[in-house]
Structures are given as structure tokens and as C-alpha cells.
Amino acid sequence: MRNEVAVRLFETPATDSHTGPYGVENRRAVGRYRTLGGQPEIALDISQAAKPETFAAIVAHELAHVRLRYENRVQGLSVDEEKLTDLVTVYLGMGVFTANAAYRFTKSVRGFSVLPLGDLTERMLTGNSLDPTHHLGYLSVRQFGYALAYYSALRGENAPPWSHHLAPGVQAVLRQGLAHLANSPRAPRDAP
């Protein structure tokens, strides 16, 4: 029997975003997972659809929740489920979307600034509300880059053909990770 995932769209009004100290936006859920009537449901903030790359990352993250929670893959495990969910997006082949969405830059008056997006507060991400770095998701760009490198190494891809779709910062970490894994005695190797 095939189970289907219900998709519900919502739009968070601009007034639902709360600005904390230092002008930083706090908590804004852009995606949610739940089980309703025994079936998985993901809810997606339709306002994010204007940014297809970001929207794809949100969908990937929520579908990874379905794989972990609905299929009871984390039951009884003591893990940081949100970080594991982001890692699952890499394993399922959707890591390009989530890694690229890990940082969102916008042009500001003084150059480039990073804006928060997602269901995390600055303090939850970094422990420091003054840190100017914000994320969409639960892993840093470095963590995503290394996860993608390990994923590539497991698949025997020394120069993954999809890597040109990554943001430059993620590409750099991917290359560093691949170089590190190539020199590591315990790293996954290509099949002989």
C-alpha cells in the first residue's frame, strides 16, 4: 500500500515575524511536518515560493522529516533530529538545495548582509545574538560541504558532475572535503 504525503500551504503574515534586539528577525517557520490522521503532512510557507531555490530546500527538509519520523527511523535514538534531517537531504540527493539555502545574502546599503530565514533564532544557531551569520536550516555551510564531500566519496565521485550547481562557498568546502577524504586512510574509496 502506497502512503501519500499531504501538502498544506500557508502564508506567514509579515506581522508574525518578530524583530529582536539588534534588528534581527526571530523565529519564522517556513515549513512544518506533522502526522495527521495517521498520514504524513508537510506545511510550506507559500511566500517562499517566490524564491524557487529556497522553496526547494524547504520541501527537501520537510520530506526528510517524513522519511525519518513517519518511517520511524529515529525512534529511540538520542540525536539532534533537525541536523540529522538536513543530513538526510544530502543522502537522498537533495543536498544541493539545502546547502545552497544555508546562506541567503541580500544586497544592503553597505554591501552584502546576511538575513535570517527559517525556524531558528540567532542564539539557537550560534549562541551569540551579535554574530552576523544566519542560516536557513540546521547545518552550517561547512557542515553541508563536508557532508556532500563524504556523500560524493561514498559514490566514487571525485569530481561530482552536480557540484557546479553549488554556491561558491559550498563548492570550496566540498573541494576541501574531497581532498581531505582522498588523503584519509579511513575514507571511503572507489571500488577497484
N, C-alpha and C. Protein backbone atom coordinates (compact mmCIF):
# COMPACT_ATOMS: atom_id res chain seq x y z
N MET A 1 0.85 -1.19 0.00
CA MET A 1 0.00 0.00 0.00
C MET A 1 0.89 1.25 0.00
N ARG A 2 0.59 2.18 -0.87
CA ARG A 2 1.39 3.39 -1.01
C ARG A 2 0.85 4.49 -0.11
N ASN A 3 1.72 5.08 0.67
CA ASN A 3 1.33 6.21 1.51
C ASN A 3 1.63 7.50 0.77
N GLU A 4 0.77 8.46 0.92
CA GLU A 4 0.99 9.74 0.29
C GLU A 4 1.21 10.80 1.34
N VAL A 5 1.97 11.79 0.97
CA VAL A 5 2.25 12.91 1.85
C VAL A 5 1.29 14.04 1.49
N ALA A 6 0.54 14.49 2.46
CA ALA A 6 -0.35 15.64 2.24
C ALA A 6 0.49 16.91 2.31
N VAL A 7 0.18 17.85 1.45
CA VAL A 7 0.89 19.13 1.42
C VAL A 7 -0.13 20.22 1.69
N ARG A 8 0.19 21.04 2.69
CA ARG A 8 -0.66 22.17 3.03
C ARG A 8 0.18 23.43 2.85
N LEU A 9 -0.39 24.43 2.23
CA LEU A 9 0.31 25.70 2.04
C LEU A 9 -0.24 26.73 3.01
N PHE A 10 0.64 27.54 3.53
CA PHE A 10 0.23 28.63 4.41
C PHE A 10 1.07 29.84 4.07
N GLU A 11 0.65 30.98 4.54
CA GLU A 11 1.44 32.19 4.34
C GLU A 11 1.55 32.90 5.67
N THR A 12 2.78 33.09 6.09
CA THR A 12 3.02 33.79 7.34
C THR A 12 2.92 35.29 7.09
N PRO A 13 1.97 35.95 7.72
CA PRO A 13 1.88 37.40 7.55
C PRO A 13 3.15 38.07 8.05
N ALA A 14 3.50 39.17 7.43
CA ALA A 14 4.71 39.89 7.82
C ALA A 14 4.68 40.27 9.29
N THR A 15 3.48 40.44 9.86
CA THR A 15 3.38 40.83 11.26
C THR A 15 3.71 39.68 12.20
N ASP A 16 3.79 38.43 11.69
CA ASP A 16 4.13 37.30 12.53
C ASP A 16 5.62 37.17 12.79
N SER A 17 6.43 37.90 12.05
CA SER A 17 7.86 37.90 12.29
C SER A 17 8.15 38.86 13.43
N HIS A 18 8.96 38.45 14.34
CA HIS A 18 9.29 39.28 15.49
C HIS A 18 10.72 39.75 15.37
N THR A 19 10.91 41.05 15.51
CA THR A 19 12.26 41.58 15.46
C THR A 19 12.78 41.70 16.87
N GLY A 20 13.90 41.07 17.09
CA GLY A 20 14.52 41.08 18.41
C GLY A 20 15.54 42.19 18.50
N PRO A 21 16.41 42.09 19.52
CA PRO A 21 17.44 43.11 19.67
C PRO A 21 18.37 43.10 18.45
N TYR A 22 18.95 44.23 18.15
CA TYR A 22 19.89 44.40 17.05
C TYR A 22 19.22 44.27 15.69
N GLY A 23 17.88 44.34 15.66
CA GLY A 23 17.15 44.27 14.40
C GLY A 23 17.13 42.90 13.76
N VAL A 24 17.43 41.86 14.51
CA VAL A 24 17.46 40.50 13.97
C VAL A 24 16.09 39.87 14.08
N GLU A 25 15.63 39.30 12.97
CA GLU A 25 14.33 38.63 12.95
C GLU A 25 14.44 37.32 13.72
N ASN A 26 13.51 37.08 14.61
CA ASN A 26 13.48 35.84 15.38
C ASN A 26 12.43 34.90 14.81
N ARG A 27 12.59 33.64 14.96
CA ARG A 27 11.68 32.55 14.62
C ARG A 27 10.64 32.88 13.56
N ARG A 28 10.80 32.25 12.47
CA ARG A 28 9.79 32.33 11.42
C ARG A 28 9.77 30.97 10.76
N ALA A 29 8.76 30.19 11.05
CA ALA A 29 8.65 28.86 10.48
C ALA A 29 8.29 28.97 9.01
N VAL A 30 9.08 28.32 8.16
CA VAL A 30 8.80 28.32 6.74
C VAL A 30 8.37 26.93 6.26
N GLY A 31 8.44 25.95 7.14
CA GLY A 31 8.00 24.60 6.83
C GLY A 31 7.75 23.84 8.11
N ARG A 32 6.81 22.92 8.06
CA ARG A 32 6.48 22.11 9.25
C ARG A 32 6.12 20.69 8.81
N TYR A 33 6.39 19.76 9.70
CA TYR A 33 5.99 18.36 9.48
C TYR A 33 5.10 17.94 10.64
N ARG A 34 4.09 17.13 10.32
CA ARG A 34 3.27 16.51 11.36
C ARG A 34 2.57 15.29 10.77
N THR A 35 2.05 14.48 11.66
CA THR A 35 1.23 13.34 11.23
C THR A 35 -0.20 13.69 11.58
N LEU A 36 -1.10 13.57 10.62
CA LEU A 36 -2.49 13.92 10.81
C LEU A 36 -3.34 12.75 10.32
N GLY A 37 -4.10 12.15 11.24
CA GLY A 37 -4.92 11.01 10.89
C GLY A 37 -4.10 9.82 10.40
N GLY A 38 -2.90 9.69 10.95
CA GLY A 38 -2.03 8.58 10.58
C GLY A 38 -1.26 8.78 9.30
N GLN A 39 -1.43 9.91 8.64
CA GLN A 39 -0.73 10.19 7.39
C GLN A 39 0.22 11.38 7.58
N PRO A 40 1.35 11.36 6.88
CA PRO A 40 2.28 12.49 6.99
C PRO A 40 1.76 13.72 6.26
N GLU A 41 2.02 14.88 6.86
CA GLU A 41 1.64 16.14 6.23
C GLU A 41 2.79 17.10 6.38
N ILE A 42 3.11 17.78 5.28
CA ILE A 42 4.07 18.87 5.36
C ILE A 42 3.34 20.16 5.05
N ALA A 43 3.70 21.20 5.75
CA ALA A 43 3.12 22.52 5.52
C ALA A 43 4.25 23.43 5.06
N LEU A 44 4.00 24.20 4.02
CA LEU A 44 5.02 25.04 3.40
C LEU A 44 4.53 26.47 3.31
N ASP A 45 5.40 27.41 3.66
CA ASP A 45 5.06 28.83 3.57
C ASP A 45 5.14 29.24 2.10
N ILE A 46 3.98 29.49 1.51
CA ILE A 46 3.88 29.81 0.09
C ILE A 46 4.63 31.08 -0.28
N SER A 47 4.86 31.96 0.69
CA SER A 47 5.60 33.19 0.38
C SER A 47 7.03 32.88 -0.03
N GLN A 48 7.52 31.71 0.33
CA GLN A 48 8.88 31.32 -0.05
C GLN A 48 8.96 30.81 -1.49
N ALA A 49 7.81 30.55 -2.11
CA ALA A 49 7.79 30.04 -3.48
C ALA A 49 8.33 31.06 -4.48
N ALA A 50 8.38 32.31 -4.09
CA ALA A 50 8.96 33.33 -4.97
C ALA A 50 10.46 33.14 -5.13
N LYS A 51 11.06 32.34 -4.24
CA LYS A 51 12.48 32.01 -4.32
C LYS A 51 12.58 30.50 -4.52
N PRO A 52 12.51 30.03 -5.75
CA PRO A 52 12.43 28.58 -6.00
C PRO A 52 13.54 27.76 -5.34
N GLU A 53 14.77 28.27 -5.30
CA GLU A 53 15.86 27.50 -4.69
C GLU A 53 15.62 27.32 -3.20
N THR A 54 15.16 28.36 -2.54
CA THR A 54 14.87 28.29 -1.11
C THR A 54 13.67 27.39 -0.87
N PHE A 55 12.66 27.53 -1.70
CA PHE A 55 11.46 26.71 -1.54
C PHE A 55 11.79 25.22 -1.71
N ALA A 56 12.65 24.91 -2.68
CA ALA A 56 13.06 23.52 -2.90
C ALA A 56 13.79 22.98 -1.66
N ALA A 57 14.60 23.82 -1.02
CA ALA A 57 15.31 23.40 0.19
C ALA A 57 14.33 23.12 1.33
N ILE A 58 13.31 23.94 1.45
CA ILE A 58 12.31 23.74 2.50
C ILE A 58 11.55 22.43 2.25
N VAL A 59 11.15 22.21 1.01
CA VAL A 59 10.44 20.97 0.65
C VAL A 59 11.35 19.77 0.96
N ALA A 60 12.62 19.84 0.57
CA ALA A 60 13.57 18.74 0.82
C ALA A 60 13.68 18.44 2.31
N HIS A 61 13.79 19.48 3.12
CA HIS A 61 13.92 19.30 4.56
C HIS A 61 12.67 18.64 5.14
N GLU A 62 11.51 19.10 4.74
CA GLU A 62 10.27 18.54 5.28
C GLU A 62 10.06 17.09 4.81
N LEU A 63 10.43 16.79 3.56
CA LEU A 63 10.32 15.41 3.08
C LEU A 63 11.30 14.50 3.82
N ALA A 64 12.45 15.03 4.20
CA ALA A 64 13.39 14.24 5.00
C ALA A 64 12.79 13.94 6.38
N HIS A 65 12.02 14.88 6.92
CA HIS A 65 11.29 14.61 8.18
C HIS A 65 10.34 13.42 8.00
N VAL A 66 9.67 13.39 6.87
CA VAL A 66 8.75 12.28 6.60
C VAL A 66 9.53 10.96 6.65
N ARG A 67 10.67 10.92 5.97
CA ARG A 67 11.47 9.69 5.94
C ARG A 67 11.94 9.30 7.34
N LEU A 68 12.31 10.28 8.16
CA LEU A 68 12.81 9.96 9.50
C LEU A 68 11.70 9.65 10.49
N ARG A 69 10.71 10.52 10.56
CA ARG A 69 9.67 10.37 11.59
C ARG A 69 8.58 9.38 11.19
N TYR A 70 7.99 9.58 10.01
CA TYR A 70 6.87 8.75 9.61
C TYR A 70 7.30 7.30 9.43
N GLU A 71 8.52 7.10 8.96
CA GLU A 71 9.03 5.74 8.78
C GLU A 71 9.73 5.22 10.04
N ASN A 72 9.58 5.95 11.14
CA ASN A 72 10.13 5.55 12.45
C ASN A 72 11.62 5.22 12.43
N ARG A 73 12.39 6.02 11.74
CA ARG A 73 13.83 5.78 11.64
C ARG A 73 14.63 6.39 12.78
N VAL A 74 14.03 7.28 13.57
CA VAL A 74 14.74 7.90 14.69
C VAL A 74 14.15 7.51 16.03
N GLN A 75 13.18 6.63 16.00
CA GLN A 75 12.52 6.23 17.24
C GLN A 75 13.54 5.62 18.19
N GLY A 76 13.60 6.15 19.41
CA GLY A 76 14.50 5.65 20.43
C GLY A 76 15.92 6.15 20.31
N LEU A 77 16.23 6.92 19.27
CA LEU A 77 17.57 7.46 19.11
C LEU A 77 17.69 8.79 19.85
N SER A 78 18.83 9.01 20.42
CA SER A 78 19.09 10.29 21.06
C SER A 78 19.97 11.09 20.09
N VAL A 79 19.31 11.83 19.20
CA VAL A 79 20.02 12.59 18.18
C VAL A 79 19.43 13.99 18.08
N ASP A 80 20.18 14.89 17.48
CA ASP A 80 19.65 16.19 17.14
C ASP A 80 18.90 15.99 15.83
N GLU A 81 17.60 15.81 15.93
CA GLU A 81 16.80 15.41 14.78
C GLU A 81 16.85 16.42 13.64
N GLU A 82 16.89 17.70 13.96
CA GLU A 82 16.90 18.70 12.89
C GLU A 82 18.19 18.63 12.08
N LYS A 83 19.32 18.47 12.74
CA LYS A 83 20.58 18.34 12.00
C LYS A 83 20.59 17.04 11.20
N LEU A 84 20.10 15.98 11.80
CA LEU A 84 20.01 14.70 11.10
C LEU A 84 19.11 14.84 9.88
N THR A 85 18.03 15.58 10.01
CA THR A 85 17.12 15.79 8.89
C THR A 85 17.84 16.48 7.74
N ASP A 86 18.65 17.49 8.04
CA ASP A 86 19.43 18.15 6.99
C ASP A 86 20.43 17.18 6.36
N LEU A 87 21.04 16.32 7.16
CA LEU A 87 21.96 15.32 6.60
C LEU A 87 21.22 14.33 5.70
N VAL A 88 20.01 14.00 6.05
CA VAL A 88 19.22 13.08 5.23
C VAL A 88 18.94 13.70 3.86
N THR A 89 18.79 15.02 3.79
CA THR A 89 18.58 15.65 2.48
C THR A 89 19.79 15.40 1.58
N VAL A 90 20.98 15.38 2.17
CA VAL A 90 22.19 15.08 1.40
C VAL A 90 22.14 13.64 0.91
N TYR A 91 21.85 12.73 1.81
CA TYR A 91 21.80 11.30 1.48
C TYR A 91 20.76 11.01 0.40
N LEU A 92 19.64 11.71 0.42
CA LEU A 92 18.57 11.49 -0.55
C LEU A 92 18.80 12.22 -1.87
N GLY A 93 19.94 12.90 -1.99
CA GLY A 93 20.26 13.57 -3.24
C GLY A 93 19.70 14.97 -3.38
N MET A 94 19.22 15.54 -2.29
CA MET A 94 18.65 16.89 -2.34
C MET A 94 19.55 17.90 -1.63
N GLY A 95 20.78 17.51 -1.32
CA GLY A 95 21.69 18.35 -0.56
C GLY A 95 22.12 19.62 -1.28
N VAL A 96 22.09 19.63 -2.60
CA VAL A 96 22.44 20.85 -3.33
C VAL A 96 21.48 21.97 -2.94
N PHE A 97 20.20 21.63 -2.85
CA PHE A 97 19.19 22.63 -2.49
C PHE A 97 19.40 23.14 -1.06
N THR A 98 19.55 22.21 -0.12
CA THR A 98 19.64 22.63 1.28
C THR A 98 20.98 23.31 1.58
N ALA A 99 22.05 22.86 0.93
CA ALA A 99 23.35 23.51 1.15
C ALA A 99 23.34 24.93 0.60
N ASN A 100 22.79 25.12 -0.59
CA ASN A 100 22.74 26.46 -1.18
C ASN A 100 21.87 27.40 -0.38
N ALA A 101 20.84 26.86 0.25
CA ALA A 101 19.94 27.71 1.03
C ALA A 101 20.48 27.99 2.43
N ALA A 102 21.58 27.36 2.80
CA ALA A 102 22.12 27.55 4.14
C ALA A 102 22.48 29.02 4.39
N TYR A 103 22.85 29.72 3.36
CA TYR A 103 23.11 31.16 3.48
C TYR A 103 22.27 31.90 2.46
N ARG A 104 21.75 32.99 2.86
CA ARG A 104 20.95 33.82 1.96
C ARG A 104 21.48 35.23 2.07
N PHE A 105 22.10 35.70 1.04
CA PHE A 105 22.68 37.04 1.05
C PHE A 105 21.75 38.00 0.32
N THR A 106 21.66 39.21 0.81
CA THR A 106 20.93 40.25 0.10
C THR A 106 21.79 41.49 0.04
N LYS A 107 21.60 42.23 -0.99
CA LYS A 107 22.35 43.48 -1.15
C LYS A 107 21.80 44.50 -0.17
N SER A 108 22.68 45.09 0.58
CA SER A 108 22.27 46.14 1.51
C SER A 108 22.97 47.43 1.14
N VAL A 109 22.69 48.46 1.85
CA VAL A 109 23.26 49.76 1.56
C VAL A 109 24.78 49.73 1.67
N ARG A 110 25.33 49.01 2.64
CA ARG A 110 26.78 48.97 2.87
C ARG A 110 27.46 47.76 2.24
N GLY A 111 26.84 47.11 1.33
CA GLY A 111 27.45 45.92 0.74
C GLY A 111 26.52 44.75 0.88
N PHE A 112 27.04 43.60 1.31
CA PHE A 112 26.22 42.42 1.47
C PHE A 112 25.98 42.16 2.94
N SER A 113 24.77 41.77 3.24
CA SER A 113 24.44 41.38 4.60
C SER A 113 23.72 40.04 4.52
N VAL A 114 23.68 39.35 5.62
CA VAL A 114 23.02 38.05 5.68
C VAL A 114 21.76 38.20 6.50
N LEU A 115 20.65 37.70 5.97
CA LEU A 115 19.38 37.81 6.67
C LEU A 115 18.94 36.47 7.20
N PRO A 116 18.32 36.44 8.38
CA PRO A 116 17.85 35.17 8.91
C PRO A 116 16.62 34.69 8.16
N LEU A 117 16.50 33.39 8.03
CA LEU A 117 15.36 32.79 7.39
C LEU A 117 15.24 31.39 7.95
N GLY A 118 14.08 31.00 8.33
CA GLY A 118 13.90 29.66 8.87
C GLY A 118 13.29 29.70 10.25
N ASP A 119 13.29 28.60 10.93
CA ASP A 119 12.63 28.47 12.22
C ASP A 119 13.66 28.46 13.34
N LEU A 120 14.70 29.24 13.20
CA LEU A 120 15.76 29.28 14.20
C LEU A 120 16.02 30.72 14.62
N THR A 121 16.44 30.89 15.83
CA THR A 121 16.87 32.21 16.27
C THR A 121 18.38 32.27 16.16
N GLU A 122 18.91 33.46 16.16
CA GLU A 122 20.35 33.64 16.09
C GLU A 122 21.05 32.94 17.26
N ARG A 123 20.49 33.06 18.45
CA ARG A 123 21.09 32.44 19.63
C ARG A 123 21.09 30.91 19.50
N MET A 124 20.01 30.33 18.93
CA MET A 124 19.97 28.88 18.75
C MET A 124 21.05 28.42 17.79
N LEU A 125 21.33 29.23 16.77
CA LEU A 125 22.31 28.84 15.77
C LEU A 125 23.74 28.97 16.25
N THR A 126 24.04 30.08 16.90
CA THR A 126 25.43 30.37 17.19
C THR A 126 25.73 30.56 18.67
N GLY A 127 24.69 30.72 19.48
CA GLY A 127 24.91 31.02 20.88
C GLY A 127 25.26 32.48 21.11
N ASN A 128 25.26 33.26 20.04
CA ASN A 128 25.67 34.65 20.14
C ASN A 128 24.74 35.49 19.29
N SER A 129 23.96 36.34 19.92
CA SER A 129 22.99 37.13 19.16
C SER A 129 23.65 38.24 18.36
N LEU A 130 24.94 38.50 18.56
CA LEU A 130 25.61 39.54 17.80
C LEU A 130 26.30 38.99 16.56
N ASP A 131 26.38 37.70 16.44
CA ASP A 131 27.04 37.09 15.28
C ASP A 131 26.25 37.43 14.03
N PRO A 132 26.89 37.97 12.98
CA PRO A 132 26.15 38.39 11.80
C PRO A 132 25.79 37.27 10.84
N THR A 133 26.12 36.03 11.15
CA THR A 133 25.85 34.92 10.25
C THR A 133 24.52 34.26 10.60
N HIS A 134 23.70 34.04 9.60
CA HIS A 134 22.39 33.42 9.79
C HIS A 134 22.27 32.25 8.82
N HIS A 135 21.41 31.33 9.13
CA HIS A 135 21.25 30.14 8.31
C HIS A 135 19.79 29.88 8.01
N LEU A 136 19.57 29.20 6.90
CA LEU A 136 18.30 28.53 6.65
C LEU A 136 18.64 27.07 6.84
N GLY A 137 18.06 26.45 7.80
CA GLY A 137 18.39 25.07 8.09
C GLY A 137 19.17 24.96 9.38
N TYR A 138 19.71 23.80 9.62
CA TYR A 138 20.30 23.50 10.91
C TYR A 138 21.77 23.15 10.83
N LEU A 139 22.31 23.01 9.62
CA LEU A 139 23.73 22.77 9.45
C LEU A 139 24.38 24.02 8.86
N SER A 140 25.64 24.20 9.16
CA SER A 140 26.37 25.32 8.57
C SER A 140 26.79 24.96 7.15
N VAL A 141 27.22 25.93 6.40
CA VAL A 141 27.71 25.69 5.05
C VAL A 141 28.89 24.72 5.09
N ARG A 142 29.77 24.85 6.07
CA ARG A 142 30.91 23.93 6.20
C ARG A 142 30.43 22.51 6.45
N GLN A 143 29.44 22.36 7.29
CA GLN A 143 28.91 21.02 7.57
C GLN A 143 28.24 20.43 6.33
N PHE A 144 27.48 21.24 5.61
CA PHE A 144 26.87 20.77 4.37
C PHE A 144 27.95 20.38 3.35
N GLY A 145 28.96 21.24 3.21
CA GLY A 145 30.02 20.96 2.24
C GLY A 145 30.74 19.66 2.54
N TYR A 146 31.04 19.42 3.80
CA TYR A 146 31.72 18.17 4.15
C TYR A 146 30.79 16.97 3.97
N ALA A 147 29.52 17.12 4.33
CA ALA A 147 28.57 16.03 4.12
C ALA A 147 28.46 15.69 2.63
N LEU A 148 28.43 16.72 1.78
CA LEU A 148 28.38 16.48 0.34
C LEU A 148 29.66 15.82 -0.15
N ALA A 149 30.80 16.19 0.43
CA ALA A 149 32.07 15.56 0.06
C ALA A 149 32.05 14.08 0.42
N TYR A 150 31.59 13.77 1.60
CA TYR A 150 31.55 12.38 2.04
C TYR A 150 30.56 11.59 1.18
N TYR A 151 29.42 12.20 0.89
CA TYR A 151 28.43 11.58 0.01
C TYR A 151 29.06 11.27 -1.35
N SER A 152 29.80 12.24 -1.89
CA SER A 152 30.47 12.05 -3.18
C SER A 152 31.49 10.92 -3.11
N ALA A 153 32.28 10.90 -2.05
CA ALA A 153 33.29 9.86 -1.89
C ALA A 153 32.65 8.48 -1.79
N LEU A 154 31.54 8.39 -1.07
CA LEU A 154 30.83 7.11 -0.97
C LEU A 154 30.35 6.62 -2.33
N ARG A 155 30.00 7.55 -3.18
CA ARG A 155 29.50 7.21 -4.52
C ARG A 155 30.63 7.07 -5.54
N GLY A 156 31.88 7.29 -5.10
CA GLY A 156 33.01 7.19 -6.01
C GLY A 156 33.14 8.38 -6.94
N GLU A 157 32.59 9.51 -6.56
CA GLU A 157 32.65 10.72 -7.38
C GLU A 157 33.75 11.63 -6.85
N ASN A 158 34.90 11.64 -7.52
CA ASN A 158 35.99 12.52 -7.11
C ASN A 158 35.78 13.95 -7.59
N ALA A 159 35.05 14.10 -8.66
CA ALA A 159 34.67 15.41 -9.19
C ALA A 159 33.19 15.32 -9.56
N PRO A 160 32.31 15.46 -8.57
CA PRO A 160 30.88 15.26 -8.82
C PRO A 160 30.36 16.20 -9.91
N PRO A 161 29.66 15.65 -10.89
CA PRO A 161 29.18 16.48 -12.00
C PRO A 161 28.15 17.53 -11.57
N TRP A 162 27.50 17.32 -10.46
CA TRP A 162 26.48 18.25 -9.98
C TRP A 162 27.07 19.40 -9.16
N SER A 163 28.37 19.35 -8.88
CA SER A 163 28.96 20.35 -7.97
C SER A 163 28.91 21.77 -8.52
N HIS A 164 28.83 21.93 -9.84
CA HIS A 164 28.77 23.28 -10.40
C HIS A 164 27.45 23.98 -10.07
N HIS A 165 26.48 23.23 -9.55
CA HIS A 165 25.21 23.83 -9.13
C HIS A 165 25.27 24.39 -7.71
N LEU A 166 26.37 24.15 -7.02
CA LEU A 166 26.52 24.64 -5.64
C LEU A 166 26.96 26.09 -5.61
N ALA A 167 26.57 26.78 -4.54
CA ALA A 167 27.05 28.14 -4.31
C ALA A 167 28.58 28.08 -4.15
N PRO A 168 29.29 29.13 -4.54
CA PRO A 168 30.76 29.10 -4.49
C PRO A 168 31.34 28.70 -3.13
N GLY A 169 30.77 29.19 -2.05
CA GLY A 169 31.28 28.84 -0.72
C GLY A 169 31.13 27.36 -0.41
N VAL A 170 30.01 26.78 -0.82
CA VAL A 170 29.78 25.36 -0.59
C VAL A 170 30.70 24.54 -1.50
N GLN A 171 30.91 25.01 -2.73
CA GLN A 171 31.83 24.33 -3.64
C GLN A 171 33.23 24.26 -3.04
N ALA A 172 33.67 25.35 -2.45
CA ALA A 172 35.02 25.39 -1.87
C ALA A 172 35.15 24.37 -0.75
N VAL A 173 34.15 24.29 0.11
CA VAL A 173 34.19 23.32 1.21
C VAL A 173 34.10 21.89 0.67
N LEU A 174 33.30 21.68 -0.35
CA LEU A 174 33.21 20.36 -0.99
C LEU A 174 34.59 19.94 -1.49
N ARG A 175 35.28 20.84 -2.21
CA ARG A 175 36.62 20.51 -2.72
C ARG A 175 37.60 20.21 -1.58
N GLN A 176 37.55 21.02 -0.52
CA GLN A 176 38.42 20.77 0.64
C GLN A 176 38.11 19.41 1.26
N GLY A 177 36.83 19.11 1.40
CA GLY A 177 36.43 17.84 1.98
C GLY A 177 36.87 16.66 1.13
N LEU A 178 36.71 16.78 -0.19
CA LEU A 178 37.14 15.70 -1.08
C LEU A 178 38.65 15.49 -1.01
N ALA A 179 39.41 16.59 -0.93
CA ALA A 179 40.87 16.48 -0.81
C ALA A 179 41.25 15.80 0.51
N HIS A 180 40.58 16.19 1.58
CA HIS A 180 40.84 15.58 2.88
C HIS A 180 40.52 14.09 2.86
N LEU A 181 39.37 13.75 2.31
CA LEU A 181 38.98 12.34 2.27
C LEU A 181 39.90 11.51 1.38
N ALA A 182 40.42 12.11 0.32
CA ALA A 182 41.32 11.38 -0.57
C ALA A 182 42.62 11.01 0.14
N ASN A 183 43.00 11.81 1.15
CA ASN A 183 44.24 11.55 1.90
C ASN A 183 44.01 10.86 3.23
N SER A 184 42.78 10.51 3.53
CA SER A 184 42.45 9.88 4.80
C SER A 184 42.45 8.36 4.64
N PRO A 185 43.17 7.64 5.51
CA PRO A 185 43.23 6.19 5.37
C PRO A 185 41.89 5.50 5.63
N ARG A 186 40.97 6.13 6.34
CA ARG A 186 39.68 5.51 6.64
C ARG A 186 38.56 6.03 5.76
N ALA A 187 38.89 6.86 4.78
CA ALA A 187 37.87 7.43 3.92
C ALA A 187 37.33 6.38 2.96
N PRO A 188 36.09 6.56 2.53
CA PRO A 188 35.54 5.62 1.55
C PRO A 188 36.35 5.72 0.25
N ARG A 189 36.54 4.62 -0.39
CA ARG A 189 37.34 4.58 -1.63
C ARG A 189 36.49 4.10 -2.79
N ASP A 190 36.97 4.44 -3.98
CA ASP A 190 36.33 3.91 -5.18
C ASP A 190 36.46 2.41 -5.20
N ALA A 191 35.49 1.75 -5.79
CA ALA A 191 35.56 0.29 -5.94
C ALA A 191 36.67 -0.04 -6.92
N PRO A 192 37.43 -1.14 -6.67
CA PRO A 192 38.54 -1.48 -7.58
C PRO A 192 38.07 -1.84 -8.96
